[in-house]
Amino acid sequence: MNLSVQEIDNQLLMLSEQEQLKVLNLLKNRLQPFILKEEQNSFATFGGILKDSPNFNGDPVEIQRRMRDEWN
């Protein structure tokens, strides 16, 4: 049974608010593993990972200058 998004939406709107919340909770519980996996694979997990790198200690302007000069 394949329903379109519009058909599903129409059926949900016919339910009481309490029944709609049950459906939403069911969906949330079913999707949670996928959401967690996506969060683990997100770019945000790399935030701050280089903060202790010796390559980025010091004056940021001087680091940029050295990197730029490396190309010449």
C-alpha atoms as a PDB file:
ATOM      1  CA  MET A   1       0.000   0.000   0.000  1.00  0.00           C
ATOM      2  CA  ASN A   2       1.744   3.135  -1.233  1.00  0.00           C
ATOM      3  CA  LEU A   3       0.280   6.397  -0.031  1.00  0.00           C
ATOM      4  CA  SER A   4       1.313   9.842  -1.115  1.00  0.00           C
ATOM      5  CA  VAL A   5       2.431  12.376   1.436  1.00  0.00           C
ATOM      6  CA  GLN A   6      -0.794  14.281   0.872  1.00  0.00           C
ATOM      7  CA  GLU A   7      -2.893  11.154   1.517  1.00  0.00           C
ATOM      8  CA  ILE A   8      -0.997  10.435   4.724  1.00  0.00           C
ATOM      9  CA  ASP A   9      -1.402  14.037   5.811  1.00  0.00           C
ATOM     10  CA  ASN A  10      -5.146  13.908   5.126  1.00  0.00           C
ATOM     11  CA  GLN A  11      -5.488  10.731   7.174  1.00  0.00           C
ATOM     12  CA  LEU A  12      -3.496  12.199  10.055  1.00  0.00           C
ATOM     13  CA  LEU A  13      -5.705  15.277  10.082  1.00  0.00           C
ATOM     14  CA  MET A  14      -8.754  13.066  10.583  1.00  0.00           C
ATOM     15  CA  LEU A  15      -7.274  11.684  13.827  1.00  0.00           C
ATOM     16  CA  SER A  16      -7.741  13.323  17.194  1.00  0.00           C
ATOM     17  CA  GLU A  17      -4.857  15.372  18.521  1.00  0.00           C
ATOM     18  CA  GLN A  18      -4.002  12.622  21.004  1.00  0.00           C
ATOM     19  CA  GLU A  19      -3.856  10.017  18.228  1.00  0.00           C
ATOM     20  CA  GLN A  20      -1.718  12.340  16.085  1.00  0.00           C
ATOM     21  CA  LEU A  21       0.752  12.650  18.972  1.00  0.00           C
ATOM     22  CA  LYS A  22       0.910   8.859  19.232  1.00  0.00           C
ATOM     23  CA  VAL A  23       1.766   8.625  15.538  1.00  0.00           C
ATOM     24  CA  LEU A  24       4.413  11.344  15.869  1.00  0.00           C
ATOM     25  CA  ASN A  25       5.980   9.599  18.865  1.00  0.00           C
ATOM     26  CA  LEU A  26       6.026   6.320  16.963  1.00  0.00           C
ATOM     27  CA  LEU A  27       7.773   7.998  14.020  1.00  0.00           C
ATOM     28  CA  LYS A  28      10.233   9.741  16.316  1.00  0.00           C
ATOM     29  CA  ASN A  29      11.138   6.443  17.989  1.00  0.00           C
ATOM     30  CA  ARG A  30      11.536   4.674  14.645  1.00  0.00           C
ATOM     31  CA  LEU A  31      13.697   7.474  13.201  1.00  0.00           C
ATOM     32  CA  GLN A  32      15.894   7.975  16.284  1.00  0.00           C
ATOM     33  CA  PRO A  33      18.623   5.496  15.190  1.00  0.00           C
ATOM     34  CA  PHE A  34      18.920   7.266  11.828  1.00  0.00           C
ATOM     35  CA  ILE A  35      19.021  10.694  13.470  1.00  0.00           C
ATOM     36  CA  LEU A  36      21.765   9.589  15.869  1.00  0.00           C
ATOM     37  CA  LYS A  37      23.779   8.059  13.037  1.00  0.00           C
ATOM     38  CA  GLU A  38      23.461  11.268  10.998  1.00  0.00           C
ATOM     39  CA  GLU A  39      24.558  13.376  13.988  1.00  0.00           C
ATOM     40  CA  GLN A  40      27.608  11.165  14.482  1.00  0.00           C
ATOM     41  CA  ASN A  41      28.567  11.614  10.838  1.00  0.00           C
ATOM     42  CA  SER A  42      28.027  15.358  10.781  1.00  0.00           C
ATOM     43  CA  PHE A  43      30.769  17.909  10.292  1.00  0.00           C
ATOM     44  CA  ALA A  44      30.091  19.243  13.811  1.00  0.00           C
ATOM     45  CA  THR A  45      31.784  16.182  15.327  1.00  0.00           C
ATOM     46  CA  PHE A  46      35.086  17.588  14.058  1.00  0.00           C
ATOM     47  CA  GLY A  47      34.635  20.948  15.768  1.00  0.00           C
ATOM     48  CA  GLY A  48      37.574  21.820  18.019  1.00  0.00           C
ATOM     49  CA  ILE A  49      39.539  18.726  17.046  1.00  0.00           C
ATOM     50  CA  LEU A  50      42.551  20.796  15.944  1.00  0.00           C
ATOM     51  CA  LYS A  51      42.565  23.237  18.856  1.00  0.00           C
ATOM     52  CA  ASP A  52      45.597  21.547  20.447  1.00  0.00           C
ATOM     53  CA  SER A  53      47.460  21.042  17.189  1.00  0.00           C
ATOM     54  CA  PRO A  54      50.985  22.492  17.269  1.00  0.00           C
ATOM     55  CA  ASN A  55      50.415  23.710  13.708  1.00  0.00           C
ATOM     56  CA  PHE A  56      47.782  26.206  14.853  1.00  0.00           C
ATOM     57  CA  ASN A  57      49.375  27.600  18.002  1.00  0.00           C
ATOM     58  CA  GLY A  58      50.557  31.174  17.887  1.00  0.00           C
ATOM     59  CA  ASP A  59      49.510  34.342  16.154  1.00  0.00           C
ATOM     60  CA  PRO A  60      46.759  33.598  13.586  1.00  0.00           C
ATOM     61  CA  VAL A  61      47.990  36.351  11.249  1.00  0.00           C
ATOM     62  CA  GLU A  62      51.525  34.973  11.293  1.00  0.00           C
ATOM     63  CA  ILE A  63      50.222  31.447  10.623  1.00  0.00           C
ATOM     64  CA  GLN A  64      48.292  32.757   7.605  1.00  0.00           C
ATOM     65  CA  ARG A  65      51.359  34.622   6.385  1.00  0.00           C
ATOM     66  CA  ARG A  66      53.525  31.483   6.605  1.00  0.00           C
ATOM     67  CA  MET A  67      50.897  29.424   4.793  1.00  0.00           C
ATOM     68  CA  ARG A  68      50.551  32.038   2.050  1.00  0.00           C
ATOM     69  CA  ASP A  69      54.335  32.385   1.674  1.00  0.00           C
ATOM     70  CA  GLU A  70      54.620  28.616   1.326  1.00  0.00           C
ATOM     71  CA  TRP A  71      52.857  28.869  -2.050  1.00  0.00           C
ATOM     72  CA  ASN A  72      55.433  31.288  -3.523  1.00  0.00           C
END
